[in-house]
């Protein structure tokens, strides 16, 4: 029998990344965010592969740490305020 892959839900990501549920749902709209492999509970719960999330974390290392997310947001804000980003 083959091994069942580890699956994560939005609730799991809320805990894993210490991020509000709404912020997780906004990530779903980003082009590079992993797509759910299945929806359960009449389409209300998205299931994501843990391996896909781990790859996303490698390319977005700030996602799993609230302090790193805040530092990145501050950096981007300063760049915008200085006219370096539009």
C-alpha atoms as a PDB file:
ATOM      1  CA  UNK A   1       0.000   0.000   0.000  1.00  0.00           C
ATOM      2  CA  UNK A   2       1.368   3.421  -0.907  1.00  0.00           C
ATOM      3  CA  UNK A   3       1.854   6.084   1.728  1.00  0.00           C
ATOM      4  CA  UNK A   4      -0.708   8.888   1.932  1.00  0.00           C
ATOM      5  CA  UNK A   5       0.935  12.297   1.527  1.00  0.00           C
ATOM      6  CA  UNK A   6       0.746  14.802   4.375  1.00  0.00           C
ATOM      7  CA  UNK A   7      -2.077  17.284   3.759  1.00  0.00           C
ATOM      8  CA  UNK A   8      -2.629  20.726   5.256  1.00  0.00           C
ATOM      9  CA  UNK A   9      -5.674  22.962   5.583  1.00  0.00           C
ATOM     10  CA  UNK A  10      -5.972  26.719   6.003  1.00  0.00           C
ATOM     11  CA  UNK A  11      -6.302  26.121   9.739  1.00  0.00           C
ATOM     12  CA  UNK A  12      -2.990  24.229   9.716  1.00  0.00           C
ATOM     13  CA  UNK A  13      -1.311  27.156   7.931  1.00  0.00           C
ATOM     14  CA  UNK A  14      -2.745  29.634  10.448  1.00  0.00           C
ATOM     15  CA  UNK A  15      -0.968  27.681  13.181  1.00  0.00           C
ATOM     16  CA  UNK A  16       2.173  26.947  11.164  1.00  0.00           C
ATOM     17  CA  UNK A  17       2.748  30.566  10.091  1.00  0.00           C
ATOM     18  CA  UNK A  18       1.088  32.389  13.013  1.00  0.00           C
ATOM     19  CA  UNK A  19      -0.933  34.356  10.481  1.00  0.00           C
ATOM     20  CA  UNK A  20      -4.613  35.369  10.416  1.00  0.00           C
ATOM     21  CA  UNK A  21      -6.961  33.151   8.417  1.00  0.00           C
ATOM     22  CA  UNK A  22      -7.865  36.054   6.120  1.00  0.00           C
ATOM     23  CA  UNK A  23      -4.203  36.539   5.197  1.00  0.00           C
ATOM     24  CA  UNK A  24      -3.907  32.860   4.299  1.00  0.00           C
ATOM     25  CA  UNK A  25      -6.980  33.103   2.076  1.00  0.00           C
ATOM     26  CA  UNK A  26      -5.448  36.134   0.331  1.00  0.00           C
ATOM     27  CA  UNK A  27      -2.363  34.036  -0.457  1.00  0.00           C
ATOM     28  CA  UNK A  28      -4.561  31.711  -2.547  1.00  0.00           C
ATOM     29  CA  UNK A  29      -4.916  34.531  -5.108  1.00  0.00           C
ATOM     30  CA  UNK A  30      -1.140  34.832  -5.580  1.00  0.00           C
ATOM     31  CA  UNK A  31       0.155  33.214  -8.759  1.00  0.00           C
ATOM     32  CA  UNK A  32       2.963  31.299  -7.052  1.00  0.00           C
ATOM     33  CA  UNK A  33       0.962  30.024  -4.074  1.00  0.00           C
ATOM     34  CA  UNK A  34       0.421  26.242  -4.221  1.00  0.00           C
ATOM     35  CA  UNK A  35      -2.958  25.216  -5.551  1.00  0.00           C
ATOM     36  CA  UNK A  36      -5.144  22.938  -3.432  1.00  0.00           C
ATOM     37  CA  UNK A  37      -5.117  19.350  -4.605  1.00  0.00           C
ATOM     38  CA  UNK A  38      -8.638  18.681  -3.337  1.00  0.00           C
ATOM     39  CA  UNK A  39     -11.609  20.319  -1.645  1.00  0.00           C
ATOM     40  CA  UNK A  40     -13.614  18.447   0.988  1.00  0.00           C
ATOM     41  CA  UNK A  41     -16.665  19.128   3.143  1.00  0.00           C
ATOM     42  CA  UNK A  42     -18.819  20.224   0.202  1.00  0.00           C
ATOM     43  CA  UNK A  43     -16.015  22.359  -1.224  1.00  0.00           C
ATOM     44  CA  UNK A  44     -15.438  24.392   1.941  1.00  0.00           C
ATOM     45  CA  UNK A  45     -12.067  23.007   3.008  1.00  0.00           C
ATOM     46  CA  UNK A  46      -9.033  23.172   0.724  1.00  0.00           C
ATOM     47  CA  UNK A  47      -6.371  20.493   1.096  1.00  0.00           C
ATOM     48  CA  UNK A  48      -2.789  21.341   0.185  1.00  0.00           C
ATOM     49  CA  UNK A  49       0.218  19.066  -0.021  1.00  0.00           C
ATOM     50  CA  UNK A  50       2.704  19.709   2.760  1.00  0.00           C
ATOM     51  CA  UNK A  51       5.526  19.223   0.240  1.00  0.00           C
ATOM     52  CA  UNK A  52       4.105  22.066  -1.906  1.00  0.00           C
ATOM     53  CA  UNK A  53       3.931  24.317   1.161  1.00  0.00           C
ATOM     54  CA  UNK A  54       7.526  23.435   2.104  1.00  0.00           C
ATOM     55  CA  UNK A  55       8.676  24.443  -1.406  1.00  0.00           C
ATOM     56  CA  UNK A  56       6.738  27.715  -1.083  1.00  0.00           C
ATOM     57  CA  UNK A  57       8.438  28.364   2.267  1.00  0.00           C
ATOM     58  CA  UNK A  58      11.858  27.851   0.656  1.00  0.00           C
ATOM     59  CA  UNK A  59      11.163  30.553  -1.940  1.00  0.00           C
ATOM     60  CA  UNK A  60       9.367  32.815   0.579  1.00  0.00           C
ATOM     61  CA  UNK A  61      11.392  32.410   3.804  1.00  0.00           C
ATOM     62  CA  UNK A  62       9.670  35.352   5.516  1.00  0.00           C
ATOM     63  CA  UNK A  63       6.260  33.651   5.409  1.00  0.00           C
ATOM     64  CA  UNK A  64       6.768  31.470   8.472  1.00  0.00           C
ATOM     65  CA  UNK A  65       8.091  34.159  10.826  1.00  0.00           C
ATOM     66  CA  UNK A  66       5.949  37.154  11.902  1.00  0.00           C
ATOM     67  CA  UNK A  67       9.052  39.268  12.653  1.00  0.00           C
ATOM     68  CA  UNK A  68      10.502  38.590   9.195  1.00  0.00           C
ATOM     69  CA  UNK A  69       7.132  39.404   7.575  1.00  0.00           C
ATOM     70  CA  UNK A  70       7.014  42.728   9.426  1.00  0.00           C
ATOM     71  CA  UNK A  71      10.610  43.574   8.509  1.00  0.00           C
ATOM     72  CA  UNK A  72       9.869  42.830   4.849  1.00  0.00           C
ATOM     73  CA  UNK A  73       6.714  44.966   4.933  1.00  0.00           C
ATOM     74  CA  UNK A  74       8.675  47.834   6.513  1.00  0.00           C
ATOM     75  CA  UNK A  75      11.415  47.509   3.887  1.00  0.00           C
ATOM     76  CA  UNK A  76       8.877  47.656   1.051  1.00  0.00           C
ATOM     77  CA  UNK A  77       7.081  50.594   2.686  1.00  0.00           C
ATOM     78  CA  UNK A  78      10.357  52.551   2.971  1.00  0.00           C
ATOM     79  CA  UNK A  79      11.163  51.853  -0.676  1.00  0.00           C
ATOM     80  CA  UNK A  80       7.725  53.093  -1.744  1.00  0.00           C
ATOM     81  CA  UNK A  81       7.994  56.199   0.419  1.00  0.00           C
ATOM     82  CA  UNK A  82      11.429  56.977  -1.046  1.00  0.00           C
ATOM     83  CA  UNK A  83      10.057  56.621  -4.575  1.00  0.00           C
ATOM     84  CA  UNK A  84      12.183  53.580  -5.320  1.00  0.00           C
ATOM     85  CA  UNK A  85       9.169  51.313  -5.922  1.00  0.00           C
ATOM     86  CA  UNK A  86       5.958  52.122  -7.702  1.00  0.00           C
END
